[in-house]
Protein backbone atom coordinates (compact mmCIF):
# COMPACT_ATOMS: atom_id res chain seq x y z
CA MET A 1 -43.99 72.26 71.41
CA THR A 2 -43.33 68.58 71.99
CA SER A 3 -42.35 67.72 75.58
CA MET A 4 -39.88 65.05 76.67
CA LYS A 5 -42.79 63.22 78.33
CA SER A 6 -44.69 62.97 75.04
CA TYR A 7 -41.59 61.55 73.34
CA SER A 8 -41.07 58.87 75.98
CA GLY A 9 -44.80 58.17 76.05
CA ARG A 10 -44.61 57.08 72.44
CA VAL A 11 -41.77 54.63 73.09
CA GLN A 12 -42.95 52.54 76.04
CA ALA A 13 -40.40 49.92 77.04
CA LYS A 14 -42.36 48.78 80.11
CA ALA A 15 -45.89 48.50 78.73
CA THR A 16 -46.26 48.43 74.96
CA PRO A 17 -49.50 47.41 73.22
CA GLN A 18 -49.06 44.09 71.42
CA SER A 19 -50.15 45.78 68.20
CA ARG A 20 -46.81 47.68 68.26
CA PRO A 21 -43.20 46.46 68.50
CA VAL A 22 -41.17 47.16 71.64
CA ALA A 23 -38.28 49.57 71.15
CA GLY A 24 -34.93 47.81 71.32
CA LYS A 25 -36.39 44.33 70.77
CA ALA A 26 -36.00 42.39 67.53
CA GLU A 27 -39.70 41.68 67.13
CA VAL A 28 -41.62 40.76 64.01
CA GLN A 29 -45.28 40.99 63.09
CA ASN A 30 -47.20 37.74 63.45
CA ASP A 31 -49.99 36.58 61.16
CA ALA A 32 -52.66 38.10 63.41
CA GLY A 33 -51.11 41.57 63.22
CA GLY A 34 -49.53 41.61 66.68
CA PHE A 35 -45.80 41.63 67.43
CA GLY A 36 -43.63 38.92 68.95
CA PHE A 37 -40.34 37.18 68.36
CA ALA A 38 -39.30 35.22 65.29
CA LEU A 39 -38.64 31.59 66.06
CA ASP A 40 -35.07 30.44 65.53
CA LYS A 41 -34.80 28.35 62.34
CA TRP A 42 -33.82 25.24 64.29
CA ALA A 43 -36.72 25.62 66.68
CA ARG A 44 -39.04 26.10 63.73
CA LEU A 45 -37.64 22.95 62.10
CA HIS A 46 -38.43 20.97 65.24
CA ARG A 47 -41.90 22.51 65.54
CA PHE A 48 -42.66 21.59 61.91
CA LEU A 49 -41.34 18.04 62.26
CA VAL A 50 -43.58 17.43 65.28
CA LEU A 51 -46.74 19.36 64.36
CA GLY A 52 -46.58 19.54 60.56
CA ALA A 53 -48.51 22.07 58.51
CA GLU A 54 -51.52 20.01 57.42
CA GLY A 55 -54.68 22.10 57.24
CA GLY A 56 -52.83 25.37 57.80
CA THR A 57 -53.88 27.63 60.67
CA PHE A 58 -56.67 30.11 61.35
CA TYR A 59 -54.61 32.91 59.80
CA VAL A 60 -52.49 31.05 57.23
CA GLY A 61 -53.58 28.58 54.56
CA GLU A 62 -51.91 25.20 54.22
CA GLN A 63 -50.05 26.13 51.02
CA LYS A 64 -48.43 29.21 52.57
CA LEU A 65 -47.62 27.43 55.83
CA VAL A 66 -45.99 24.50 54.03
CA GLU A 67 -43.95 26.88 51.88
CA ALA A 68 -42.79 28.85 54.93
CA ASN A 69 -41.74 25.71 56.76
CA ALA A 70 -40.05 24.27 53.67
CA LYS A 71 -38.03 27.48 53.46
CA ALA A 72 -36.97 27.02 57.10
CA VAL A 73 -35.93 23.40 56.41
CA VAL A 74 -33.83 24.50 53.43
CA GLU A 75 -32.20 27.26 55.52
CA CYS A 76 -31.22 24.65 58.11
CA LEU A 77 -29.86 22.38 55.38
CA LYS A 78 -27.73 25.21 53.99
CA GLU A 79 -26.35 26.08 57.43
CA ASP A 80 -25.69 22.53 58.67
CA GLY A 81 -26.98 19.68 56.55
CA SER A 82 -25.74 16.93 58.85
CA ARG A 83 -27.42 18.46 61.89
CA THR A 84 -30.66 18.83 59.93
CA VAL A 85 -30.76 15.19 58.88
CA LEU A 86 -29.93 14.10 62.43
CA GLU A 87 -32.84 16.20 63.72
CA ILE A 88 -35.15 14.61 61.13
CA LEU A 89 -33.95 11.17 62.21
CA ASP A 90 -34.34 11.91 65.91
CA VAL A 91 -37.94 13.12 65.65
CA SER A 92 -38.93 10.32 63.28
CA VAL A 93 -37.19 7.35 64.88
CA SER A 94 -38.07 8.29 68.46
CA GLY A 95 -41.76 8.69 67.57
CA ARG A 96 -41.95 12.31 68.69
CA ALA A 97 -44.40 13.29 65.93
CA PRO A 98 -48.00 12.11 65.46
CA LYS A 99 -47.38 11.73 61.74
CA ASN A 100 -44.19 10.87 59.89
CA GLU A 101 -45.03 12.90 56.77
CA PRO A 102 -43.21 16.12 57.84
CA ALA A 103 -40.01 14.12 58.44
CA ILE A 104 -40.41 12.33 55.10
CA PHE A 105 -40.90 15.64 53.30
CA ALA A 106 -37.92 17.23 55.08
CA LEU A 107 -35.75 14.23 54.19
CA ALA A 108 -36.79 14.56 50.55
CA LEU A 109 -35.76 18.23 50.70
CA ALA A 110 -32.38 17.12 52.07
CA THR A 111 -31.83 15.00 48.96
CA VAL A 112 -32.47 18.09 46.83
CA TYR A 113 -30.94 21.05 48.68
CA GLY A 114 -28.20 19.39 50.69
CA ASP A 115 -24.57 19.41 49.60
CA ALA A 116 -22.94 16.14 48.51
CA ALA A 117 -22.20 15.03 52.08
CA THR A 118 -25.71 15.91 53.25
CA LYS A 119 -27.29 14.02 50.37
CA ALA A 120 -25.21 10.95 51.18
CA THR A 121 -26.33 11.15 54.82
CA ALA A 122 -29.94 11.59 53.71
CA TYR A 123 -29.76 8.56 51.42
CA ARG A 124 -28.51 6.42 54.31
CA ALA A 125 -31.36 7.70 56.48
CA ILE A 126 -34.13 6.64 54.08
CA PRO A 127 -34.75 3.13 55.53
CA ARG A 128 -34.77 4.52 59.10
CA VAL A 129 -37.23 7.34 58.38
CA CYS A 130 -39.27 5.30 55.87
CA ARG A 131 -39.85 2.27 58.07
CA ILE A 132 -43.01 0.93 56.43
CA GLY A 133 -44.33 0.73 52.91
CA THR A 134 -46.62 3.76 53.28
CA HIS A 135 -43.66 5.93 54.35
CA LEU A 136 -41.63 4.72 51.41
CA PHE A 137 -44.39 5.44 48.91
CA HIS A 138 -44.85 8.96 50.32
CA PHE A 139 -41.11 9.58 50.11
CA CYS A 140 -40.95 8.38 46.51
CA GLN A 141 -43.79 10.69 45.56
CA ALA A 142 -42.02 13.60 47.27
CA VAL A 143 -38.72 13.04 45.46
CA GLN A 144 -40.59 12.44 42.22
CA ASP A 145 -42.15 15.90 42.65
CA LEU A 146 -38.84 17.54 43.56
CA ARG A 147 -36.06 15.86 41.56
CA GLY A 148 -34.91 12.95 39.40
CA TRP A 149 -33.50 9.57 40.40
CA SER A 150 -29.76 9.19 40.96
CA ARG A 151 -27.59 6.23 41.89
CA GLY A 152 -27.40 7.41 45.50
CA LEU A 153 -31.16 7.82 45.74
CA ARG A 154 -31.73 4.38 44.23
CA GLY A 155 -29.35 2.88 46.75
CA GLY A 156 -31.10 4.55 49.69
CA VAL A 157 -34.56 3.50 48.55
CA GLY A 158 -33.34 0.03 47.62
CA ALA A 159 -32.01 -0.44 51.15
CA PHE A 160 -35.62 -0.49 52.36
CA TYR A 161 -35.85 -3.92 50.75
CA ALA A 162 -32.27 -5.16 50.96
CA ASP A 163 -31.54 -4.33 54.61
CA ARG A 164 -34.52 -5.87 56.38
CA ASP A 165 -34.88 -9.55 57.27
CA GLU A 166 -36.88 -11.93 55.11
CA ALA A 167 -39.94 -12.18 57.38
CA ASP A 168 -40.22 -8.40 57.76
CA LEU A 169 -39.82 -7.88 54.02
CA ALA A 170 -42.56 -10.41 53.30
CA TYR A 171 -44.80 -8.68 55.85
CA GLN A 172 -44.23 -5.28 54.20
CA LEU A 173 -45.10 -6.69 50.80
CA VAL A 174 -48.44 -8.17 51.88
CA LYS A 175 -49.50 -5.35 54.24
CA TYR A 176 -48.65 -2.28 52.16
CA ARG A 177 -49.54 -3.45 48.68
CA GLN A 178 -50.72 -0.05 47.39
CA ARG A 179 -50.88 3.46 48.79
CA ASP A 180 -51.61 6.73 46.98
CA GLY A 181 -51.12 5.22 43.55
CA TRP A 182 -47.77 3.57 44.39
CA THR A 183 -46.99 -0.13 44.64
CA HIS A 184 -43.84 -2.01 45.61
CA LYS A 185 -43.52 -2.97 41.98
CA ASP A 186 -43.33 0.72 41.01
CA VAL A 187 -40.63 1.44 43.61
CA ILE A 188 -38.55 -1.66 42.89
CA LYS A 189 -38.49 -0.87 39.17
CA LEU A 190 -37.12 2.59 40.00
CA ALA A 191 -34.68 1.60 42.77
CA HIS A 192 -33.35 -1.76 41.51
CA PRO A 193 -32.59 -3.12 45.02
CA LYS A 194 -29.62 -5.48 45.08
CA THR A 195 -29.09 -8.36 47.47
CA LYS A 196 -27.24 -11.68 47.49
CA ASP A 197 -29.90 -13.26 49.69
CA PRO A 198 -31.90 -15.78 47.62
CA VAL A 199 -35.00 -15.43 49.81
CA LYS A 200 -35.06 -11.64 49.47
CA ASN A 201 -34.48 -11.95 45.73
CA ALA A 202 -37.41 -14.37 45.50
CA LEU A 203 -39.60 -11.91 47.44
CA ILE A 204 -38.57 -9.02 45.19
CA ARG A 205 -39.34 -11.12 42.11
CA TRP A 206 -42.74 -11.93 43.63
CA ALA A 207 -43.45 -8.22 44.21
CA LEU A 208 -42.56 -7.56 40.57
CA GLY A 209 -45.05 -10.20 39.51
CA LYS A 210 -42.33 -12.39 38.03
CA THR A 211 -44.02 -15.60 39.10
CA LYS A 212 -46.53 -17.74 37.35
CA GLU A 213 -48.93 -20.59 38.00
CA GLY A 214 -46.98 -23.77 38.61
CA ASP A 215 -43.81 -21.92 39.63
CA ASP A 216 -41.23 -24.49 40.71
CA SER A 217 -41.49 -25.61 44.34
CA ASP A 218 -37.99 -24.35 45.14
CA GLN A 219 -38.96 -20.76 44.34
CA HIS A 220 -42.20 -21.17 46.29
CA VAL A 221 -40.28 -22.30 49.37
CA LYS A 222 -37.80 -19.44 49.01
CA ARG A 223 -40.57 -16.86 49.17
CA GLY A 224 -41.38 -18.11 52.68
CA PRO A 225 -44.43 -19.05 54.73
CA ILE A 226 -45.91 -15.53 55.00
CA ILE A 227 -46.27 -15.22 51.24
CA ALA A 228 -47.60 -18.78 51.05
CA ALA A 229 -50.16 -18.01 53.76
CA PHE A 230 -51.15 -14.76 52.02
CA GLU A 231 -51.64 -16.55 48.68
CA GLU A 232 -53.74 -19.25 50.33
CA VAL A 233 -55.87 -16.64 52.12
CA GLN A 234 -56.42 -14.84 48.83
CA ARG A 235 -57.41 -18.11 47.17
CA LEU A 236 -59.89 -18.83 49.95
CA GLY A 237 -61.24 -15.30 49.56
CA VAL A 238 -61.94 -15.93 45.88
CA GLU A 239 -63.73 -19.13 46.81
CA LEU A 240 -65.80 -17.30 49.41
CA ALA A 241 -66.70 -14.52 46.97
CA GLY A 242 -67.80 -16.98 44.31
CA GLY A 243 -71.35 -16.99 45.61
CA THR A 244 -71.78 -20.75 45.39
CA THR A 245 -70.63 -21.67 48.91
CA THR A 246 -73.09 -22.93 51.50
CA ALA A 247 -73.26 -21.43 54.98
CA THR A 248 -71.28 -24.37 56.33
CA GLN A 249 -68.61 -23.99 53.65
CA ALA A 250 -68.40 -20.25 54.30
CA GLN A 251 -67.85 -20.90 58.02
CA ARG A 252 -65.10 -23.37 57.16
CA ILE A 253 -63.38 -20.85 54.88
CA VAL A 254 -63.50 -18.09 57.51
CA ARG A 255 -62.13 -20.53 60.09
CA GLU A 256 -59.25 -21.52 57.80
CA ILE A 257 -58.43 -17.88 57.04
CA CYS A 258 -58.39 -17.11 60.77
CA GLU A 259 -56.11 -20.09 61.45
CA LEU A 260 -53.63 -18.88 58.82
CA THR A 261 -53.91 -15.30 60.07
CA GLY A 262 -53.22 -16.28 63.66
CA LYS A 263 -50.37 -18.65 62.83
CA TRP A 264 -48.46 -16.27 60.54
CA ARG A 265 -49.65 -12.98 62.04
CA LEU A 266 -51.01 -11.69 58.77
CA PRO A 267 -52.11 -8.03 58.89
CA TRP A 268 -55.76 -7.21 58.36
CA GLU A 269 -54.90 -5.47 55.08
CA ALA A 270 -53.82 -8.85 53.70
CA LEU A 271 -57.24 -10.43 54.26
CA PRO A 272 -60.14 -10.64 51.79
CA THR A 273 -62.75 -7.93 52.26
CA GLN A 274 -65.50 -10.50 52.86
CA VAL A 275 -64.00 -11.78 56.13
CA LEU A 276 -63.48 -8.31 57.63
CA ALA A 277 -67.16 -8.25 58.58
CA SER A 278 -66.64 -11.30 60.78
CA ALA A 279 -66.16 -10.93 64.54
CA GLN A 280 -64.05 -14.10 64.44
CA THR A 281 -61.52 -12.39 62.17
CA TRP A 282 -60.99 -9.44 64.52
CA GLU A 283 -60.94 -11.72 67.54
CA THR A 284 -58.03 -13.47 65.85
CA LEU A 285 -56.26 -10.20 65.00
CA ALA A 286 -56.66 -8.51 68.41
CA PRO A 287 -53.78 -10.18 70.33
CA THR A 288 -51.05 -9.41 67.75
CA MET A 289 -52.27 -6.50 65.63
CA PRO A 290 -49.80 -3.56 65.64
CA LEU A 291 -50.90 -0.99 68.21
CA GLY A 292 -51.37 1.77 65.65
CA ALA A 293 -53.75 -0.39 63.63
CA LEU A 294 -55.46 -1.47 66.84
CA LEU A 295 -56.20 2.16 67.73
CA ARG A 296 -57.74 2.77 64.31
CA ASN A 297 -59.96 -0.32 64.53
CA LEU A 298 -61.27 -0.16 68.11
CA GLY A 299 -64.64 1.12 66.90
CA ARG A 300 -64.96 -1.63 64.31
CA MET A 301 -64.24 -4.33 66.90
CA SER A 302 -66.77 -2.85 69.31
CA SER A 303 -69.37 -2.60 66.53
CA LEU A 304 -68.99 -6.36 66.01
CA GLY A 305 -69.78 -7.05 69.68
CA LEU A 306 -66.26 -8.03 70.78
CA THR A 307 -66.21 -5.53 73.67
CA VAL A 308 -69.81 -5.83 74.79
CA SER A 309 -68.62 -6.50 78.35
CA ASN A 310 -65.57 -5.44 80.35
CA LEU A 311 -65.25 -9.13 81.19
CA SER A 312 -65.05 -10.34 77.59
CA GLU A 313 -61.74 -11.88 76.56
CA THR A 314 -61.18 -9.45 73.68
CA THR A 315 -61.88 -6.45 75.93
CA LYS A 316 -59.30 -7.69 78.42
CA ILE A 317 -56.75 -8.28 75.65
CA LEU A 318 -57.25 -4.82 74.15
CA ALA A 319 -57.15 -3.05 77.52
CA GLY A 320 -54.01 -4.93 78.49
CA ARG A 321 -52.21 -4.06 75.29
CA LEU A 322 -53.16 -0.38 75.57
CA THR A 323 -51.69 -0.11 79.07
CA ASP A 324 -48.33 -1.73 78.31
CA ARG A 325 -45.82 1.14 78.55
CA GLU A 326 -43.01 -0.78 76.82
CA ALA A 327 -45.27 -1.86 73.96
CA ILE A 328 -46.45 1.74 73.53
CA ARG A 329 -42.83 2.90 73.38
CA LYS A 330 -41.78 0.23 70.87
CA ALA A 331 -44.78 0.95 68.67
CA ARG A 332 -43.98 4.71 68.71
CA LEU A 333 -47.60 5.27 69.71
CA HIS A 334 -47.91 9.04 69.79
CA PRO A 335 -50.05 10.78 72.46
CA LEU A 336 -51.94 12.78 69.84
CA SER A 337 -52.89 9.60 67.98
CA ILE A 338 -54.10 8.12 71.26
CA LEU A 339 -56.05 11.28 72.06
CA GLN A 340 -57.76 11.21 68.67
CA ALA A 341 -58.61 7.52 69.12
CA ALA A 342 -59.99 8.20 72.61
CA LYS A 343 -62.11 11.07 71.34
CA VAL A 344 -63.56 9.08 68.42
CA TYR A 345 -64.04 5.87 70.39
CA GLY A 346 -65.76 7.69 73.26
CA GLN A 347 -68.30 9.36 70.94
CA GLY A 348 -69.49 5.96 69.69
CA HIS A 349 -69.28 6.68 65.96
CA GLY A 350 -66.68 7.53 63.38
CA ASP A 351 -66.06 11.00 61.98
CA LYS A 352 -66.87 9.55 58.57
CA GLY A 353 -69.15 6.74 57.50
CA SER A 354 -72.09 5.15 59.32
CA LEU A 355 -70.28 2.81 61.71
CA THR A 356 -71.57 3.03 65.32
CA TRP A 357 -70.74 1.19 68.54
CA THR A 358 -71.20 1.20 72.29
CA ALA A 359 -67.95 2.29 73.90
CA ALA A 360 -66.66 -0.12 76.55
CA GLY A 361 -65.68 1.49 79.87
CA ALA A 362 -62.54 -0.63 80.14
CA ILE A 363 -61.36 0.48 76.71
CA LYS A 364 -62.02 4.15 77.48
CA ASP A 365 -60.06 3.82 80.72
CA ALA A 366 -57.23 2.04 78.90
CA LEU A 367 -57.02 4.81 76.29
CA GLU A 368 -56.89 7.36 79.11
CA GLY A 369 -53.99 5.48 80.68
CA ALA A 370 -52.23 5.01 77.35
CA PHE A 371 -52.26 8.76 76.77
CA TYR A 372 -50.26 9.46 79.91
CA LEU A 373 -47.97 6.47 79.33
CA SER A 374 -47.02 7.79 75.88
CA PHE A 375 -45.22 10.80 77.37
CA ASP A 376 -41.81 10.59 78.98
CA SER A 377 -42.14 10.04 82.71
CA ILE A 378 -41.72 13.12 84.92
CA GLU A 379 -41.26 13.80 88.61
CA SER A 380 -42.84 16.63 90.60
CA THR A 381 -40.79 19.80 90.87
CA GLY A 382 -42.49 20.96 94.07
CA LYS A 383 -43.01 24.38 92.44
CA ALA A 384 -46.13 26.50 91.98
CA TRP A 385 -47.47 26.41 88.40
CA LEU A 386 -50.00 28.61 86.63
CA LEU A 387 -51.12 27.05 83.36
CA GLY A 388 -52.76 29.35 80.83
CA ILE A 389 -54.59 27.82 77.86
CA ASP A 390 -55.19 30.01 74.83
CA VAL A 391 -58.86 29.45 73.98
CA SER A 392 -59.11 32.25 71.40
CA GLY A 393 -60.83 31.82 68.07
CA SER A 394 -57.68 30.73 66.26
CA MET A 395 -56.86 28.01 68.81
CA THR A 396 -60.36 26.57 68.64
CA SER A 397 -60.26 26.57 64.82
CA ASN A 398 -56.76 25.14 64.30
CA HIS A 399 -56.56 21.34 64.18
CA LEU A 400 -53.42 19.51 65.23
CA ALA A 401 -51.61 17.56 62.49
CA GLY A 402 -54.79 17.37 60.41
CA MET A 403 -56.58 15.37 63.13
CA ASN A 404 -59.97 15.95 64.74
CA VAL A 405 -58.36 17.58 67.81
CA THR A 406 -58.23 21.37 68.03
CA ALA A 407 -55.19 23.17 69.33
CA ALA A 408 -57.18 24.33 72.38
CA GLU A 409 -58.33 20.78 73.14
CA GLY A 410 -54.77 19.54 72.77
CA ALA A 411 -53.53 22.25 75.11
CA ALA A 412 -56.15 21.30 77.69
CA VAL A 413 -55.11 17.67 77.87
CA MET A 414 -51.41 18.55 77.82
CA SER A 415 -51.99 20.71 80.89
CA MET A 416 -53.35 17.61 82.63
CA ILE A 417 -49.93 15.95 82.50
CA THR A 418 -48.41 18.71 84.61
CA ALA A 419 -51.53 19.00 86.78
CA ARG A 420 -51.37 15.32 87.74
CA LYS A 421 -47.74 15.63 88.85
CA GLU A 422 -47.68 19.06 90.48
CA ALA A 423 -49.66 19.47 93.70
CA VAL A 424 -49.59 23.28 93.49
CA HIS A 425 -51.14 24.40 90.22
CA GLU A 426 -54.05 26.23 88.66
CA ILE A 427 -55.42 25.96 85.11
CA TYR A 428 -57.01 28.97 83.41
CA GLY A 429 -58.20 29.82 79.94
CA PHE A 430 -57.72 33.12 78.18
CA ASP A 431 -58.63 34.97 75.00
CA HIS A 432 -59.14 38.69 75.65
CA GLY A 433 -60.33 37.73 79.15
CA PHE A 434 -59.12 35.34 81.84
CA VAL A 435 -61.33 32.56 83.21
CA ASP A 436 -61.05 29.56 85.51
CA LEU A 437 -61.84 26.59 83.26
CA GLY A 438 -62.78 24.39 86.19
CA VAL A 439 -60.33 21.73 85.01
CA THR A 440 -58.85 19.62 87.81
CA ALA A 441 -56.22 16.89 87.96
CA LYS A 442 -59.01 14.34 88.58
CA ASP A 443 -60.80 15.11 85.32
CA THR A 444 -60.78 12.64 82.46
CA LEU A 445 -59.43 13.78 79.11
CA ALA A 446 -62.99 14.05 77.79
CA GLU A 447 -64.01 16.23 80.76
CA ALA A 448 -61.00 18.51 80.32
CA ILE A 449 -61.87 18.96 76.64
CA ARG A 450 -65.55 19.60 77.40
CA LYS A 451 -64.75 22.26 80.02
CA THR A 452 -62.29 23.94 77.68
CA ASN A 453 -64.76 24.01 74.81
CA LYS A 454 -67.32 25.76 77.04
CA ASN A 455 -65.00 28.78 77.26
CA ASN A 456 -63.63 29.84 73.90
CA GLY A 457 -63.58 32.49 71.21
CA GLY A 458 -62.48 36.11 71.09
CA GLY A 459 -59.11 37.80 70.62
CA THR A 460 -55.73 36.77 72.00
CA ASP A 461 -53.79 38.31 74.89
CA CYS A 462 -51.00 35.98 76.01
CA ALA A 463 -49.92 38.43 78.74
CA LEU A 464 -53.03 37.72 80.83
CA PRO A 465 -51.61 34.85 82.97
CA MET A 466 -48.85 37.12 84.31
CA ILE A 467 -51.18 40.11 84.67
CA PHE A 468 -53.69 37.99 86.62
CA ALA A 469 -51.00 36.66 88.96
CA LEU A 470 -49.65 40.15 89.59
CA GLU A 471 -53.06 41.69 90.25
CA ASN A 472 -53.95 38.91 92.67
CA LYS A 473 -50.48 38.74 94.28
CA LEU A 474 -50.13 35.00 93.52
CA LYS A 475 -46.79 33.31 94.18
CA VAL A 476 -46.00 31.56 90.89
CA ASP A 477 -42.73 29.83 90.02
CA ALA A 478 -43.67 28.71 86.53
CA PHE A 479 -46.08 30.23 84.04
CA VAL A 480 -47.00 27.94 81.15
CA VAL A 481 -48.78 29.42 78.13
CA TYR A 482 -50.22 26.99 75.57
CA THR A 483 -50.77 29.03 72.41
CA ASP A 484 -50.38 29.40 68.66
CA ASN A 485 -48.43 32.61 69.45
CA GLU A 486 -50.82 34.75 67.37
CA THR A 487 -51.26 37.26 70.22
CA TRP A 488 -52.36 40.80 69.42
CA ALA A 489 -55.07 42.11 71.75
CA GLY A 490 -53.15 43.08 74.90
CA LYS A 491 -52.04 46.43 76.25
CA VAL A 492 -48.67 44.98 77.25
CA HIS A 493 -46.39 42.35 75.69
CA PRO A 494 -46.19 39.01 77.52
CA PHE A 495 -42.47 39.37 78.28
CA GLN A 496 -43.13 42.85 79.73
CA ALA A 497 -45.88 41.42 81.93
CA LEU A 498 -43.44 38.76 83.17
CA GLN A 499 -40.81 41.40 83.92
CA ALA A 500 -43.34 43.41 85.94
CA TYR A 501 -44.39 40.27 87.83
CA ARG A 502 -40.78 39.36 88.62
CA LYS A 503 -40.04 42.84 89.90
CA ALA A 504 -43.07 42.90 92.18
CA LEU A 505 -43.42 39.32 93.45
CA ASN A 506 -40.92 36.67 92.32
CA PRO A 507 -37.62 37.51 90.60
CA GLY A 508 -37.09 33.85 89.69
CA ALA A 509 -40.41 33.28 87.94
CA LYS A 510 -40.10 31.46 84.61
CA LEU A 511 -42.25 31.38 81.50
CA ILE A 512 -42.68 28.34 79.26
CA VAL A 513 -44.37 28.85 75.91
CA VAL A 514 -45.85 25.69 74.41
CA GLY A 515 -46.27 26.22 70.66
CA MET A 516 -49.35 24.41 69.37
CA THR A 517 -48.98 25.14 65.63
CA ALA A 518 -46.05 25.22 63.19
CA THR A 519 -45.87 28.99 62.84
CA GLY A 520 -42.61 30.91 63.00
CA PHE A 521 -43.44 33.02 66.05
CA THR A 522 -43.09 32.86 69.81
CA ILE A 523 -43.92 35.16 72.72
CA ALA A 524 -40.79 33.97 74.56
CA ASP A 525 -37.94 36.51 74.50
CA PRO A 526 -34.90 34.54 73.24
CA SER A 527 -32.57 36.87 75.17
CA ASP A 528 -34.19 35.92 78.51
CA ALA A 529 -32.77 32.71 80.04
CA GLY A 530 -35.90 32.44 82.18
CA MET A 531 -38.14 31.86 79.17
CA LEU A 532 -38.39 28.63 77.20
CA ASP A 533 -40.12 27.81 73.93
CA VAL A 534 -41.16 24.14 73.50
CA VAL A 535 -43.33 22.21 71.08
CA GLY A 536 -46.78 20.96 71.98
CA PHE A 537 -47.34 17.19 71.79
CA ASP A 538 -43.69 16.28 71.66
CA PRO A 539 -43.67 13.34 74.13
CA ALA A 540 -40.49 14.78 75.66
CA THR A 541 -41.99 18.23 76.31
CA PRO A 542 -43.48 17.75 79.84
CA ALA A 543 -40.17 16.36 81.13
CA ALA A 544 -38.25 19.22 79.48
CA MET A 545 -40.63 21.70 81.11
CA ALA A 546 -40.10 20.15 84.55
CA ASP A 547 -36.31 20.16 84.12
CA PHE A 548 -36.39 23.83 83.10
CA VAL A 549 -38.46 24.84 86.13
CA ARG A 550 -36.37 22.68 88.45
CA GLY A 551 -33.06 24.06 87.13
């Protein structure tokens, strides 16, 4: 005979294994086999726009993850197309994502699955989301894969050329000449941009190749000094590559190219390949090169001896530019891009190729400072924080946005932002066990990553931070769990562990879940106002976390 106790023992509302759903809760099975909560479609949209789906996750391949996120984007478009496009714009324009590709892809979906009003809004958003030639080429490929070309689409793409000023248009044409099989000529022939500005028309004609040797001087003047400088630099490059120049002539040519580059701020992509091996060229580029390009070329400049000393002029220029908060903000320099640059630069060699260098201490320090400057500023809450970093096998295998930074490494350095502001905090790692990582607020980013990587692997139990605090009677105001939400190994669900902790020690304790991959799951109970789900590596996340704990 079955007793009442055996019935209730099979439906445990207070302590349910994570491998089973909790009675009365709308839980779903995650990709690891455990149970949690499905992420709201709008939250999933934001998570995808920030983190993307490149490379997939430990449990889900890239194809499946992209398809799942595309479905979520379409669902948002069907429910509220205007809100969806505004969210795409906000994440893209504010620089809240390390890569713009998810926003570009989502905008392309809006031109396919949106209603008439949504499509019109999406067309108007194209020049704001696709701010540079590479973005535009990626967008054109996306729409080419998804749909045909309409008048509205042509107008939106054409605005990329028609709406920017002459100098910026010329710069785009010489910097982004070809990407992924697309050229400006290809796009212009499809979009037919229209403008009454004679200079812009001359530039568009130039991009189409509708110029010839001996073109009349009036047309040459109309195209502007940037195009003239680019053409002269290319001519000098041909002369240099001819193989008949003496060493003295070669030095003269490099000097002339540098003079033109410095005067008209030509991008490095506009320069002949032969001069890119010259230290003089990069010394010329360093003061004005866009910060994103500067990050990607720090190793090259160091390999050429430009940062051999912290006292060298180029070192001082680079360090100064990397610690300019306003310049970082204007350049939309994302913290994850800075972290990747710091990691690669500090190791003294690239992830690909044979280039090596000696990392300059001043540059490493500047990158460290730039990382913190790239997040929104926060003030201390005066609360007690327990930060739990998921160091399970999936977190140490997943890479953020297709970069060389694992989700666990990213979580470790994100925890440092809170640790440096909050006097009362502890940082632990967990998989199926709970361990003090030894990370302190005084650690460098590299040290925090190294300590985290010493403690990883195993299953995932996201309830452990709350269980640990309860067992040790720790007064915690805010639990923060950095995870991919693929929890499955625990004997109790995370929200149940929080409820038990609140009942025993602190009724006002809050839980913040920082999602580190673009999956559709969260351990935060959406019905609990004391739990918050946020996105890892959104520059606004640390401030949002502090506001939530303070409120």
